């Protein structure tokens, strides 16, 4: 594989925005979570989940827990996951 995305069966998506600029615009708790995430999240998808959770009235910690749950569910769908 010529890209640094690892061996995964999950679809890759093209990005239309500058990912570093989008990353810098994220709230600091979300940036900290992304720096430790198991998957290569796009800032756009992480921000979308963050905003939805905040609109529902979840706290920052609850939102980060939700992101962990979403990531766990995504990893469970990966055909190349280590079992």
PDB file of N, CA and C in Angstrom:
ATOM      1  N   UNK A   1       0.846  -1.168   0.000  1.00  0.00           N
ATOM      2  CA  UNK A   1       0.000   0.000   0.000  1.00  0.00           C
ATOM      3  C   UNK A   1       0.896   1.236   0.000  1.00  0.00           C
ATOM      4  N   UNK A   2       0.599   2.184  -0.845  1.00  0.00           N
ATOM      5  CA  UNK A   2       1.461   3.349  -0.996  1.00  0.00           C
ATOM      6  C   UNK A   2       1.064   4.514  -0.094  1.00  0.00           C
ATOM      7  N   UNK A   3      -0.025   4.401   0.608  1.00  0.00           N
ATOM      8  CA  UNK A   3      -0.462   5.491   1.480  1.00  0.00           C
ATOM      9  C   UNK A   3      -0.348   5.074   2.936  1.00  0.00           C
ATOM     10  N   UNK A   4      -0.256   6.037   3.801  1.00  0.00           N
ATOM     11  CA  UNK A   4      -0.083   5.779   5.220  1.00  0.00           C
ATOM     12  C   UNK A   4      -1.432   5.700   5.923  1.00  0.00           C
ATOM     13  N   UNK A   5      -2.317   4.859   5.429  1.00  0.00           N
ATOM     14  CA  UNK A   5      -3.632   4.715   6.040  1.00  0.00           C
ATOM     15  C   UNK A   5      -3.831   3.340   6.653  1.00  0.00           C
ATOM     16  N   UNK A   6      -2.849   2.492   6.540  1.00  0.00           N
ATOM     17  CA  UNK A   6      -2.963   1.172   7.122  1.00  0.00           C
ATOM     18  C   UNK A   6      -3.761   0.222   6.253  1.00  0.00           C
ATOM     19  N   UNK A   7      -3.892  -1.009   6.716  1.00  0.00           N
ATOM     20  CA  UNK A   7      -4.616  -2.035   5.983  1.00  0.00           C
ATOM     21  C   UNK A   7      -6.035  -2.112   6.545  1.00  0.00           C
ATOM     22  N   UNK A   8      -6.983  -1.598   5.801  1.00  0.00           N
ATOM     23  CA  UNK A   8      -8.367  -1.577   6.252  1.00  0.00           C
ATOM     24  C   UNK A   8      -9.303  -1.845   5.089  1.00  0.00           C
ATOM     25  N   UNK A   9     -10.443  -2.389   5.411  1.00  0.00           N
ATOM     26  CA  UNK A   9     -11.442  -2.646   4.380  1.00  0.00           C
ATOM     27  C   UNK A   9     -12.461  -1.505   4.291  1.00  0.00           C
ATOM     28  N   UNK A  10     -12.316  -0.499   5.153  1.00  0.00           N
ATOM     29  CA  UNK A  10     -13.268   0.611   5.169  1.00  0.00           C
ATOM     30  C   UNK A  10     -13.027   1.536   3.979  1.00  0.00           C
ATOM     31  N   UNK A  11     -14.105   2.139   3.482  1.00  0.00           N
ATOM     32  CA  UNK A  11     -14.004   3.057   2.351  1.00  0.00           C
ATOM     33  C   UNK A  11     -13.202   4.294   2.707  1.00  0.00           C
ATOM     34  N   UNK A  12     -12.468   4.788   1.734  1.00  0.00           N
ATOM     35  CA  UNK A  12     -11.773   6.063   1.895  1.00  0.00           C
ATOM     36  C   UNK A  12     -12.578   7.128   1.178  1.00  0.00           C
ATOM     37  N   UNK A  13     -12.494   8.345   1.668  1.00  0.00           N
ATOM     38  CA  UNK A  13     -13.265   9.442   1.088  1.00  0.00           C
ATOM     39  C   UNK A  13     -12.342  10.584   0.701  1.00  0.00           C
ATOM     40  N   UNK A  14     -12.670  11.251  -0.377  1.00  0.00           N
ATOM     41  CA  UNK A  14     -11.913  12.432  -0.790  1.00  0.00           C
ATOM     42  C   UNK A  14     -12.360  13.633   0.043  1.00  0.00           C
ATOM     43  N   UNK A  15     -11.436  14.529   0.314  1.00  0.00           N
ATOM     44  CA  UNK A  15     -11.726  15.715   1.112  1.00  0.00           C
ATOM     45  C   UNK A  15     -11.675  16.948   0.225  1.00  0.00           C
ATOM     46  N   UNK A  16     -12.605  17.867   0.420  1.00  0.00           N
ATOM     47  CA  UNK A  16     -12.634  19.083  -0.388  1.00  0.00           C
ATOM     48  C   UNK A  16     -12.150  20.313   0.387  1.00  0.00           C
ATOM     49  N   UNK A  17     -11.802  20.142   1.658  1.00  0.00           N
ATOM     50  CA  UNK A  17     -11.316  21.258   2.468  1.00  0.00           C
ATOM     51  C   UNK A  17      -9.896  20.956   2.941  1.00  0.00           C
ATOM     52  N   UNK A  18      -9.187  21.999   3.356  1.00  0.00           N
ATOM     53  CA  UNK A  18      -7.848  21.826   3.906  1.00  0.00           C
ATOM     54  C   UNK A  18      -7.981  21.179   5.286  1.00  0.00           C
ATOM     55  N   UNK A  19      -7.537  19.938   5.448  1.00  0.00           N
ATOM     56  CA  UNK A  19      -7.750  19.250   6.723  1.00  0.00           C
ATOM     57  C   UNK A  19      -7.028  19.893   7.901  1.00  0.00           C
ATOM     58  N   UNK A  20      -5.879  20.505   7.675  1.00  0.00           N
ATOM     59  CA  UNK A  20      -5.164  21.137   8.788  1.00  0.00           C
ATOM     60  C   UNK A  20      -5.877  22.399   9.270  1.00  0.00           C
ATOM     61  N   UNK A  21      -6.408  23.171   8.347  1.00  0.00           N
ATOM     62  CA  UNK A  21      -7.166  24.368   8.726  1.00  0.00           C
ATOM     63  C   UNK A  21      -8.443  23.951   9.474  1.00  0.00           C
ATOM     64  N   UNK A  22      -9.116  22.925   8.973  1.00  0.00           N
ATOM     65  CA  UNK A  22     -10.332  22.432   9.637  1.00  0.00           C
ATOM     66  C   UNK A  22     -10.000  21.881  11.020  1.00  0.00           C
ATOM     67  N   UNK A  23      -8.869  21.186  11.153  1.00  0.00           N
ATOM     68  CA  UNK A  23      -8.443  20.638  12.442  1.00  0.00           C
ATOM     69  C   UNK A  23      -8.170  21.760  13.441  1.00  0.00           C
ATOM     70  N   UNK A  24      -7.468  22.793  12.993  1.00  0.00           N
ATOM     71  CA  UNK A  24      -7.144  23.914  13.877  1.00  0.00           C
ATOM     72  C   UNK A  24      -8.386  24.647  14.370  1.00  0.00           C
ATOM     73  N   UNK A  25      -9.478  24.576  13.629  1.00  0.00           N
ATOM     74  CA  UNK A  25     -10.714  25.270  14.003  1.00  0.00           C
ATOM     75  C   UNK A  25     -11.565  24.467  14.991  1.00  0.00           C
ATOM     76  N   UNK A  26     -11.190  23.229  15.281  1.00  0.00           N
ATOM     77  CA  UNK A  26     -11.972  22.391  16.201  1.00  0.00           C
ATOM     78  C   UNK A  26     -11.769  22.823  17.648  1.00  0.00           C
ATOM     79  N   UNK A  27     -12.753  22.532  18.514  1.00  0.00           N
ATOM     80  CA  UNK A  27     -12.579  22.808  19.948  1.00  0.00           C
ATOM     81  C   UNK A  27     -11.410  21.978  20.498  1.00  0.00           C
ATOM     82  N   UNK A  28     -10.707  22.519  21.466  1.00  0.00           N
ATOM     83  CA  UNK A  28      -9.507  21.839  21.977  1.00  0.00           C
ATOM     84  C   UNK A  28      -9.772  20.440  22.541  1.00  0.00           C
ATOM     85  N   UNK A  29     -10.904  20.173  23.241  1.00  0.00           N
ATOM     86  CA  UNK A  29     -11.120  18.790  23.702  1.00  0.00           C
ATOM     87  C   UNK A  29     -11.252  17.808  22.525  1.00  0.00           C
ATOM     88  N   UNK A  30     -11.868  18.257  21.455  1.00  0.00           N
ATOM     89  CA  UNK A  30     -12.029  17.393  20.286  1.00  0.00           C
ATOM     90  C   UNK A  30     -10.681  17.175  19.599  1.00  0.00           C
ATOM     91  N   UNK A  31      -9.860  18.213  19.510  1.00  0.00           N
ATOM     92  CA  UNK A  31      -8.519  18.050  18.922  1.00  0.00           C
ATOM     93  C   UNK A  31      -7.692  17.068  19.741  1.00  0.00           C
ATOM     94  N   UNK A  32      -7.784  17.167  21.053  1.00  0.00           N
ATOM     95  CA  UNK A  32      -7.036  16.252  21.926  1.00  0.00           C
ATOM     96  C   UNK A  32      -7.507  14.812  21.723  1.00  0.00           C
ATOM     97  N   UNK A  33      -8.813  14.626  21.603  1.00  0.00           N
ATOM     98  CA  UNK A  33      -9.348  13.278  21.374  1.00  0.00           C
ATOM     99  C   UNK A  33      -8.879  12.739  20.028  1.00  0.00           C
ATOM    100  N   UNK A  34      -8.933  13.562  18.996  1.00  0.00           N
ATOM    101  CA  UNK A  34      -8.510  13.127  17.665  1.00  0.00           C
ATOM    102  C   UNK A  34      -7.038  12.735  17.633  1.00  0.00           C
ATOM    103  N   UNK A  35      -6.215  13.402  18.419  1.00  0.00           N
ATOM    104  CA  UNK A  35      -4.788  13.078  18.429  1.00  0.00           C
ATOM    105  C   UNK A  35      -4.526  11.686  18.996  1.00  0.00           C
ATOM    106  N   UNK A  36      -5.489  11.145  19.759  1.00  0.00           N
ATOM    107  CA  UNK A  36      -5.344   9.813  20.353  1.00  0.00           C
ATOM    108  C   UNK A  36      -6.252   8.770  19.705  1.00  0.00           C
ATOM    109  N   UNK A  37      -7.019   9.149  18.719  1.00  0.00           N
ATOM    110  CA  UNK A  37      -7.995   8.248  18.097  1.00  0.00           C
ATOM    111  C   UNK A  37      -7.303   7.102  17.363  1.00  0.00           C
ATOM    112  N   UNK A  38      -7.982   5.975  17.317  1.00  0.00           N
ATOM    113  CA  UNK A  38      -7.446   4.794  16.637  1.00  0.00           C
ATOM    114  C   UNK A  38      -7.609   4.887  15.127  1.00  0.00           C
ATOM    115  N   UNK A  39      -8.582   5.640  14.672  1.00  0.00           N
ATOM    116  CA  UNK A  39      -8.850   5.785  13.246  1.00  0.00           C
ATOM    117  C   UNK A  39      -8.418   7.160  12.752  1.00  0.00           C
ATOM    118  N   UNK A  40      -8.102   7.282  11.467  1.00  0.00           N
ATOM    119  CA  UNK A  40      -7.754   8.593  10.912  1.00  0.00           C
ATOM    120  C   UNK A  40      -9.003   9.408  10.590  1.00  0.00           C
ATOM    121  N   UNK A  41      -9.601  10.019  11.593  1.00  0.00           N
ATOM    122  CA  UNK A  41     -10.818  10.806  11.440  1.00  0.00           C
ATOM    123  C   UNK A  41     -10.556  12.056  10.618  1.00  0.00           C
ATOM    124  N   UNK A  42     -11.539  12.446   9.818  1.00  0.00           N
ATOM    125  CA  UNK A  42     -11.461  13.754   9.176  1.00  0.00           C
ATOM    126  C   UNK A  42     -12.017  14.780  10.169  1.00  0.00           C
ATOM    127  N   UNK A  43     -11.457  15.977  10.171  1.00  0.00           N
ATOM    128  CA  UNK A  43     -11.989  17.015  11.058  1.00  0.00           C
ATOM    129  C   UNK A  43     -13.459  17.306  10.778  1.00  0.00           C
ATOM    130  N   UNK A  44     -13.866  17.185   9.513  1.00  0.00           N
ATOM    131  CA  UNK A  44     -15.256  17.466   9.156  1.00  0.00           C
ATOM    132  C   UNK A  44     -16.215  16.471   9.804  1.00  0.00           C
ATOM    133  N   UNK A  45     -15.904  15.180   9.742  1.00  0.00           N
ATOM    134  CA  UNK A  45     -16.805  14.186  10.331  1.00  0.00           C
ATOM    135  C   UNK A  45     -16.800  14.268  11.853  1.00  0.00           C
ATOM    136  N   UNK A  46     -15.645  14.531  12.442  1.00  0.00           N
ATOM    137  CA  UNK A  46     -15.587  14.666  13.899  1.00  0.00           C
ATOM    138  C   UNK A  46     -16.382  15.890  14.358  1.00  0.00           C
ATOM    139  N   UNK A  47     -16.252  17.005  13.626  1.00  0.00           N
ATOM    140  CA  UNK A  47     -16.995  18.223  13.976  1.00  0.00           C
ATOM    141  C   UNK A  47     -18.495  18.001  13.842  1.00  0.00           C
ATOM    142  N   UNK A  48     -18.919  17.234  12.846  1.00  0.00           N
ATOM    143  CA  UNK A  48     -20.345  16.970  12.652  1.00  0.00           C
ATOM    144  C   UNK A  48     -20.925  16.222  13.861  1.00  0.00           C
ATOM    145  N   UNK A  49     -20.231  15.199  14.326  1.00  0.00           N
ATOM    146  CA  UNK A  49     -20.693  14.456  15.505  1.00  0.00           C
ATOM    147  C   UNK A  49     -20.671  15.355  16.736  1.00  0.00           C
ATOM    148  N   UNK A  50     -19.617  16.162  16.865  1.00  0.00           N
ATOM    149  CA  UNK A  50     -19.488  17.082  17.997  1.00  0.00           C
ATOM    150  C   UNK A  50     -20.666  18.055  18.048  1.00  0.00           C
ATOM    151  N   UNK A  51     -20.969  18.673  16.905  1.00  0.00           N
ATOM    152  CA  UNK A  51     -22.054  19.663  16.869  1.00  0.00           C
ATOM    153  C   UNK A  51     -23.416  19.039  17.149  1.00  0.00           C
ATOM    154  N   UNK A  52     -23.662  17.847  16.611  1.00  0.00           N
ATOM    155  CA  UNK A  52     -24.937  17.162  16.887  1.00  0.00           C
ATOM    156  C   UNK A  52     -25.087  16.858  18.374  1.00  0.00           C
ATOM    157  N   UNK A  53     -24.024  16.370  18.980  1.00  0.00           N
ATOM    158  CA  UNK A  53     -24.078  16.028  20.402  1.00  0.00           C
ATOM    159  C   UNK A  53     -24.260  17.286  21.251  1.00  0.00           C
ATOM    160  N   UNK A  54     -23.576  18.357  20.901  1.00  0.00           N
ATOM    161  CA  UNK A  54     -23.721  19.600  21.646  1.00  0.00           C
ATOM    162  C   UNK A  54     -25.126  20.171  21.491  1.00  0.00           C
ATOM    163  N   UNK A  55     -25.714  20.018  20.312  1.00  0.00           N
ATOM    164  CA  UNK A  55     -27.079  20.500  20.079  1.00  0.00           C
ATOM    165  C   UNK A  55     -28.089  19.715  20.918  1.00  0.00           C
ATOM    166  N   UNK A  56     -27.759  18.457  21.235  1.00  0.00           N
ATOM    167  CA  UNK A  56     -28.639  17.641  22.084  1.00  0.00           C
ATOM    168  C   UNK A  56     -28.420  17.936  23.561  1.00  0.00           C
ATOM    169  N   UNK A  57     -27.472  18.812  23.870  1.00  0.00           N
ATOM    170  CA  UNK A  57     -27.231  19.196  25.255  1.00  0.00           C
ATOM    171  C   UNK A  57     -26.207  18.344  25.975  1.00  0.00           C
ATOM    172  N   UNK A  58     -25.446  17.528  25.260  1.00  0.00           N
ATOM    173  CA  UNK A  58     -24.437  16.707  25.910  1.00  0.00           C
ATOM    174  C   UNK A  58     -23.236  17.568  26.311  1.00  0.00           C
ATOM    175  N   UNK A  59     -22.612  17.197  27.403  1.00  0.00           N
ATOM    176  CA  UNK A  59     -21.403  17.897  27.845  1.00  0.00           C
ATOM    177  C   UNK A  59     -20.230  17.470  26.956  1.00  0.00           C
ATOM    178  N   UNK A  60     -19.107  18.134  27.123  1.00  0.00           N
ATOM    179  CA  UNK A  60     -17.914  17.788  26.335  1.00  0.00           C
ATOM    180  C   UNK A  60     -17.470  16.355  26.628  1.00  0.00           C
ATOM    181  N   UNK A  61     -17.496  15.956  27.896  1.00  0.00           N
ATOM    182  CA  UNK A  61     -17.091  14.593  28.250  1.00  0.00           C
ATOM    183  C   UNK A  61     -18.048  13.559  27.671  1.00  0.00           C
ATOM    184  N   UNK A  62     -19.336  13.841  27.716  1.00  0.00           N
ATOM    185  CA  UNK A  62     -20.325  12.925  27.131  1.00  0.00           C
ATOM    186  C   UNK A  62     -20.153  12.830  25.617  1.00  0.00           C
ATOM    187  N   UNK A  63     -19.817  13.936  25.008  1.00  0.00           N
ATOM    188  CA  UNK A  63     -19.588  13.953  23.565  1.00  0.00           C
ATOM    189  C   UNK A  63     -18.358  13.129  23.207  1.00  0.00           C
ATOM    190  N   UNK A  64     -17.310  13.239  23.991  1.00  0.00           N
ATOM    191  CA  UNK A  64     -16.116  12.442  23.743  1.00  0.00           C
ATOM    192  C   UNK A  64     -16.391  10.956  23.939  1.00  0.00           C
ATOM    193  N   UNK A  65     -17.225  10.617  24.927  1.00  0.00           N
ATOM    194  CA  UNK A  65     -17.638   9.223  25.110  1.00  0.00           C
ATOM    195  C   UNK A  65     -18.414   8.730  23.897  1.00  0.00           C
ATOM    196  N   UNK A  66     -19.267   9.578  23.354  1.00  0.00           N
ATOM    197  CA  UNK A  66     -20.019   9.230  22.155  1.00  0.00           C
ATOM    198  C   UNK A  66     -19.076   8.979  20.978  1.00  0.00           C
ATOM    199  N   UNK A  67     -18.069   9.818  20.823  1.00  0.00           N
ATOM    200  CA  UNK A  67     -17.087   9.624  19.757  1.00  0.00           C
ATOM    201  C   UNK A  67     -16.346   8.300  19.925  1.00  0.00           C
ATOM    202  N   UNK A  68     -16.019   7.942  21.143  1.00  0.00           N
ATOM    203  CA  UNK A  68     -15.372   6.647  21.400  1.00  0.00           C
ATOM    204  C   UNK A  68     -16.282   5.498  20.978  1.00  0.00           C
ATOM    205  N   UNK A  69     -17.560   5.635  21.290  1.00  0.00           N
ATOM    206  CA  UNK A  69     -18.533   4.603  20.921  1.00  0.00           C
ATOM    207  C   UNK A  69     -18.654   4.491  19.400  1.00  0.00           C
ATOM    208  N   UNK A  70     -18.709   5.613  18.711  1.00  0.00           N
ATOM    209  CA  UNK A  70     -18.798   5.610  17.251  1.00  0.00           C
ATOM    210  C   UNK A  70     -17.547   4.966  16.663  1.00  0.00           C
ATOM    211  N   UNK A  71     -16.395   5.304  17.202  1.00  0.00           N
ATOM    212  CA  UNK A  71     -15.148   4.726  16.704  1.00  0.00           C
ATOM    213  C   UNK A  71     -15.109   3.214  16.939  1.00  0.00           C
ATOM    214  N   UNK A  72     -15.555   2.777  18.101  1.00  0.00           N
ATOM    215  CA  UNK A  72     -15.595   1.345  18.409  1.00  0.00           C
ATOM    216  C   UNK A  72     -16.507   0.614  17.437  1.00  0.00           C
ATOM    217  N   UNK A  73     -17.659   1.195  17.140  1.00  0.00           N
ATOM    218  CA  UNK A  73     -18.589   0.577  16.192  1.00  0.00           C
ATOM    219  C   UNK A  73     -17.981   0.506  14.793  1.00  0.00           C
ATOM    220  N   UNK A  74     -17.258   1.533  14.395  1.00  0.00           N
ATOM    221  CA  UNK A  74     -16.614   1.540  13.080  1.00  0.00           C
ATOM    222  C   UNK A  74     -15.520   0.485  13.017  1.00  0.00           C
ATOM    223  N   UNK A  75     -14.728   0.370  14.060  1.00  0.00           N
ATOM    224  CA  UNK A  75     -13.678  -0.644  14.092  1.00  0.00           C
ATOM    225  C   UNK A  75     -14.267  -2.053  14.049  1.00  0.00           C
ATOM    226  N   UNK A  76     -15.427  -2.243  14.645  1.00  0.00           N
ATOM    227  CA  UNK A  76     -16.076  -3.556  14.634  1.00  0.00           C
ATOM    228  C   UNK A  76     -16.513  -3.957  13.226  1.00  0.00           C
ATOM    229  N   UNK A  77     -16.764  -2.963  12.364  1.00  0.00           N
ATOM    230  CA  UNK A  77     -17.174  -3.257  10.988  1.00  0.00           C
ATOM    231  C   UNK A  77     -15.999  -3.600  10.086  1.00  0.00           C
ATOM    232  N   UNK A  78     -14.788  -3.295  10.516  1.00  0.00           N
ATOM    233  CA  UNK A  78     -13.597  -3.499   9.688  1.00  0.00           C
ATOM    234  C   UNK A  78     -13.314  -4.994   9.548  1.00  0.00           C
ATOM    235  N   UNK A  79     -13.218  -5.464   8.320  1.00  0.00           N
ATOM    236  CA  UNK A  79     -12.990  -6.887   8.049  1.00  0.00           C
ATOM    237  C   UNK A  79     -11.589  -7.339   8.452  1.00  0.00           C
ATOM    238  N   UNK A  80     -10.636  -6.410   8.514  1.00  0.00           N
ATOM    239  CA  UNK A  80      -9.267  -6.756   8.841  1.00  0.00           C
ATOM    240  C   UNK A  80      -8.955  -6.556  10.321  1.00  0.00           C
ATOM    241  N   UNK A  81      -9.953  -6.404  11.131  1.00  0.00           N
ATOM    242  CA  UNK A  81      -9.730  -6.171  12.554  1.00  0.00           C
ATOM    243  C   UNK A  81      -9.065  -7.390  13.192  1.00  0.00           C
ATOM    244  N   UNK A  82      -8.171  -7.143  14.122  1.00  0.00           N
ATOM    245  CA  UNK A  82      -7.518  -8.220  14.848  1.00  0.00           C
ATOM    246  C   UNK A  82      -8.482  -8.735  15.882  1.00  0.00           C
ATOM    247  N   UNK A  83      -8.633 -10.032  15.926  1.00  0.00           N
ATOM    248  CA  UNK A  83      -9.581 -10.642  16.873  1.00  0.00           C
ATOM    249  C   UNK A  83      -8.867 -11.480  17.871  1.00  0.00           C
TER     250      UNK A  83
END
